[in-house]
PDB file of N, CA and C in Angstrom:
ATOM      1  N   PRO A   1      21.542 -74.486 -72.163  1.00  0.00           N
ATOM      2  CA  PRO A   1      20.734 -73.890 -73.363  1.00  0.00           C
ATOM      3  C   PRO A   1      21.543 -73.024 -74.242  1.00  0.00           C
ATOM      4  N   ALA A   2      21.331 -73.041 -75.462  1.00  0.00           N
ATOM      5  CA  ALA A   2      22.161 -72.155 -76.352  1.00  0.00           C
ATOM      6  C   ALA A   2      22.018 -70.699 -76.169  1.00  0.00           C
ATOM      7  N   GLN A   3      20.674 -70.309 -75.897  1.00  0.00           N
ATOM      8  CA  GLN A   3      20.382 -68.866 -75.712  1.00  0.00           C
ATOM      9  C   GLN A   3      21.197 -68.497 -74.534  1.00  0.00           C
ATOM     10  N   LEU A   4      21.255 -69.189 -73.385  1.00  0.00           N
ATOM     11  CA  LEU A   4      21.970 -68.718 -72.206  1.00  0.00           C
ATOM     12  C   LEU A   4      23.476 -68.520 -72.539  1.00  0.00           C
ATOM     13  N   LEU A   5      24.078 -69.484 -73.349  1.00  0.00           N
ATOM     14  CA  LEU A   5      25.444 -69.294 -73.701  1.00  0.00           C
ATOM     15  C   LEU A   5      25.651 -68.064 -74.465  1.00  0.00           C
ATOM     16  N   GLU A   6      24.737 -67.880 -75.435  1.00  0.00           N
ATOM     17  CA  GLU A   6      24.928 -66.597 -76.288  1.00  0.00           C
ATOM     18  C   GLU A   6      24.819 -65.411 -75.440  1.00  0.00           C
ATOM     19  N   TYR A   7      23.854 -65.363 -74.436  1.00  0.00           N
ATOM     20  CA  TYR A   7      23.719 -64.145 -73.575  1.00  0.00           C
ATOM     21  C   TYR A   7      25.008 -64.055 -72.880  1.00  0.00           C
ATOM     22  N   LEU A   8      25.548 -65.095 -72.290  1.00  0.00           N
ATOM     23  CA  LEU A   8      26.877 -64.890 -71.398  1.00  0.00           C
ATOM     24  C   LEU A   8      27.945 -64.519 -72.302  1.00  0.00           C
ATOM     25  N   GLN A   9      28.139 -65.039 -73.494  1.00  0.00           N
ATOM     26  CA  GLN A   9      29.205 -64.589 -74.370  1.00  0.00           C
ATOM     27  C   GLN A   9      29.064 -63.032 -74.634  1.00  0.00           C
ATOM     28  N   GLY A  10      27.832 -62.668 -75.000  1.00  0.00           N
ATOM     29  CA  GLY A  10      27.730 -61.253 -75.281  1.00  0.00           C
ATOM     30  C   GLY A  10      28.050 -60.401 -74.153  1.00  0.00           C
ATOM     31  N   HIS A  11      27.603 -60.800 -72.908  1.00  0.00           N
ATOM     32  CA  HIS A  11      27.840 -59.997 -71.709  1.00  0.00           C
ATOM     33  C   HIS A  11      29.207 -60.074 -71.382  1.00  0.00           C
ATOM     34  N   LEU A  12      29.999 -61.137 -71.549  1.00  0.00           N
ATOM     35  CA  LEU A  12      31.361 -61.184 -71.286  1.00  0.00           C
ATOM     36  C   LEU A  12      32.188 -60.310 -72.251  1.00  0.00           C
ATOM     37  N   MET A  13      31.707 -60.327 -73.529  1.00  0.00           N
ATOM     38  CA  MET A  13      32.419 -59.498 -74.451  1.00  0.00           C
ATOM     39  C   MET A  13      32.281 -57.977 -74.151  1.00  0.00           C
ATOM     40  N   TYR A  14      31.063 -57.606 -73.693  1.00  0.00           N
ATOM     41  CA  TYR A  14      30.836 -56.285 -73.227  1.00  0.00           C
ATOM     42  C   TYR A  14      31.709 -55.998 -71.983  1.00  0.00           C
ATOM     43  N   LEU A  15      31.803 -56.778 -71.062  1.00  0.00           N
ATOM     44  CA  LEU A  15      32.795 -56.619 -70.035  1.00  0.00           C
ATOM     45  C   LEU A  15      34.285 -56.400 -70.375  1.00  0.00           C
ATOM     46  N   ALA A  16      34.594 -57.315 -71.426  1.00  0.00           N
ATOM     47  CA  ALA A  16      35.918 -57.148 -71.892  1.00  0.00           C
ATOM     48  C   ALA A  16      36.306 -55.741 -72.367  1.00  0.00           C
ATOM     49  N   GLU A  17      35.282 -55.289 -73.215  1.00  0.00           N
ATOM     50  CA  GLU A  17      35.537 -53.936 -73.835  1.00  0.00           C
ATOM     51  C   GLU A  17      35.480 -52.874 -72.734  1.00  0.00           C
ATOM     52  N   ALA A  18      34.667 -53.086 -71.714  1.00  0.00           N
ATOM     53  CA  ALA A  18      34.448 -51.997 -70.695  1.00  0.00           C
ATOM     54  C   ALA A  18      35.564 -52.002 -69.712  1.00  0.00           C
ATOM     55  N   HIS A  19      35.964 -53.168 -69.348  1.00  0.00           N
ATOM     56  CA  HIS A  19      36.944 -53.196 -68.161  1.00  0.00           C
ATOM     57  C   HIS A  19      38.331 -53.808 -68.452  1.00  0.00           C
ATOM     58  N   GLY A  20      38.495 -54.332 -69.637  1.00  0.00           N
ATOM     59  CA  GLY A  20      39.790 -54.834 -70.013  1.00  0.00           C
ATOM     60  C   GLY A  20      39.908 -56.359 -70.003  1.00  0.00           C
ATOM     61  N   LEU A  21      40.812 -56.894 -70.752  1.00  0.00           N
ATOM     62  CA  LEU A  21      40.885 -58.295 -71.059  1.00  0.00           C
ATOM     63  C   LEU A  21      41.160 -59.115 -69.708  1.00  0.00           C
ATOM     64  N   ASP A  22      42.004 -58.694 -68.855  1.00  0.00           N
ATOM     65  CA  ASP A  22      42.404 -59.400 -67.699  1.00  0.00           C
ATOM     66  C   ASP A  22      41.145 -59.700 -66.776  1.00  0.00           C
ATOM     67  N   ILE A  23      40.366 -58.655 -66.553  1.00  0.00           N
ATOM     68  CA  ILE A  23      39.229 -58.923 -65.756  1.00  0.00           C
ATOM     69  C   ILE A  23      38.214 -59.756 -66.557  1.00  0.00           C
ATOM     70  N   PHE A  24      38.138 -59.590 -67.889  1.00  0.00           N
ATOM     71  CA  PHE A  24      37.205 -60.403 -68.628  1.00  0.00           C
ATOM     72  C   PHE A  24      37.593 -61.903 -68.553  1.00  0.00           C
ATOM     73  N   LEU A  25      38.912 -62.216 -68.545  1.00  0.00           N
ATOM     74  CA  LEU A  25      39.271 -63.628 -68.466  1.00  0.00           C
ATOM     75  C   LEU A  25      39.086 -64.119 -67.115  1.00  0.00           C
ATOM     76  N   CYS A  26      39.268 -63.399 -66.129  1.00  0.00           N
ATOM     77  CA  CYS A  26      39.056 -63.864 -64.678  1.00  0.00           C
ATOM     78  C   CYS A  26      37.608 -64.146 -64.453  1.00  0.00           C
ATOM     79  N   CYS A  27      36.763 -63.171 -64.820  1.00  0.00           N
ATOM     80  CA  CYS A  27      35.324 -63.284 -64.588  1.00  0.00           C
ATOM     81  C   CYS A  27      34.678 -64.341 -65.447  1.00  0.00           C
ATOM     82  N   GLY A  28      35.161 -64.430 -66.712  1.00  0.00           N
ATOM     83  CA  GLY A  28      34.653 -65.347 -67.597  1.00  0.00           C
ATOM     84  C   GLY A  28      34.886 -66.851 -67.019  1.00  0.00           C
ATOM     85  N   TYR A  29      36.048 -66.949 -66.523  1.00  0.00           N
ATOM     86  CA  TYR A  29      36.468 -68.306 -66.074  1.00  0.00           C
ATOM     87  C   TYR A  29      35.602 -68.718 -64.858  1.00  0.00           C
ATOM     88  N   HIS A  30      35.417 -67.718 -63.984  1.00  0.00           N
ATOM     89  CA  HIS A  30      34.439 -68.058 -62.781  1.00  0.00           C
ATOM     90  C   HIS A  30      33.031 -68.211 -63.163  1.00  0.00           C
ATOM     91  N   LEU A  31      32.534 -67.421 -64.121  1.00  0.00           N
ATOM     92  CA  LEU A  31      31.151 -67.501 -64.480  1.00  0.00           C
ATOM     93  C   LEU A  31      30.892 -68.805 -65.250  1.00  0.00           C
ATOM     94  N   MET A  32      31.821 -69.308 -65.966  1.00  0.00           N
ATOM     95  CA  MET A  32      31.673 -70.565 -66.675  1.00  0.00           C
ATOM     96  C   MET A  32      31.589 -71.755 -65.639  1.00  0.00           C
ATOM     97  N   ASN A  33      32.454 -71.694 -64.587  1.00  0.00           N
ATOM     98  CA  ASN A  33      32.464 -72.723 -63.577  1.00  0.00           C
ATOM     99  C   ASN A  33      31.148 -72.660 -62.840  1.00  0.00           C
ATOM    100  N   LEU A  34      30.599 -71.551 -62.536  1.00  0.00           N
ATOM    101  CA  LEU A  34      29.344 -71.325 -61.778  1.00  0.00           C
ATOM    102  C   LEU A  34      28.242 -71.987 -62.702  1.00  0.00           C
ATOM    103  N   ARG A  35      28.253 -71.497 -63.942  1.00  0.00           N
ATOM    104  CA  ARG A  35      27.137 -72.018 -64.861  1.00  0.00           C
ATOM    105  C   ARG A  35      27.165 -73.536 -65.004  1.00  0.00           C
ATOM    106  N   LEU A  36      28.418 -74.072 -65.175  1.00  0.00           N
ATOM    107  CA  LEU A  36      28.426 -75.597 -65.223  1.00  0.00           C
ATOM    108  C   LEU A  36      27.947 -76.230 -63.995  1.00  0.00           C
ATOM    109  N   LYS A  37      28.269 -75.729 -62.779  1.00  0.00           N
ATOM    110  CA  LYS A  37      27.796 -76.339 -61.596  1.00  0.00           C
ATOM    111  C   LYS A  37      26.232 -76.372 -61.540  1.00  0.00           C
ATOM    112  N   PHE A  38      25.621 -75.224 -61.952  1.00  0.00           N
ATOM    113  CA  PHE A  38      24.187 -75.107 -61.947  1.00  0.00           C
ATOM    114  C   PHE A  38      23.575 -75.897 -62.965  1.00  0.00           C
ATOM    115  N   LEU A  39      24.148 -75.988 -64.226  1.00  0.00           N
ATOM    116  CA  LEU A  39      23.509 -76.755 -65.390  1.00  0.00           C
ATOM    117  C   LEU A  39      23.620 -78.197 -65.160  1.00  0.00           C
ATOM    118  N   TRP A  40      24.721 -78.728 -64.604  1.00  0.00           N
ATOM    119  CA  TRP A  40      24.864 -80.131 -64.449  1.00  0.00           C
ATOM    120  C   TRP A  40      24.312 -80.592 -63.085  1.00  0.00           C
TER     121      TRP A  40
END
């Protein structure tokens, strides 16, 4: 769903600003993998 993706993007951007880009990339990668597993 588009709303879920928008929420995830907003949350990940918040994490990026709060904790730094490296953690953002790592967590974002794992979150997207988890979401894809659940969505499909």
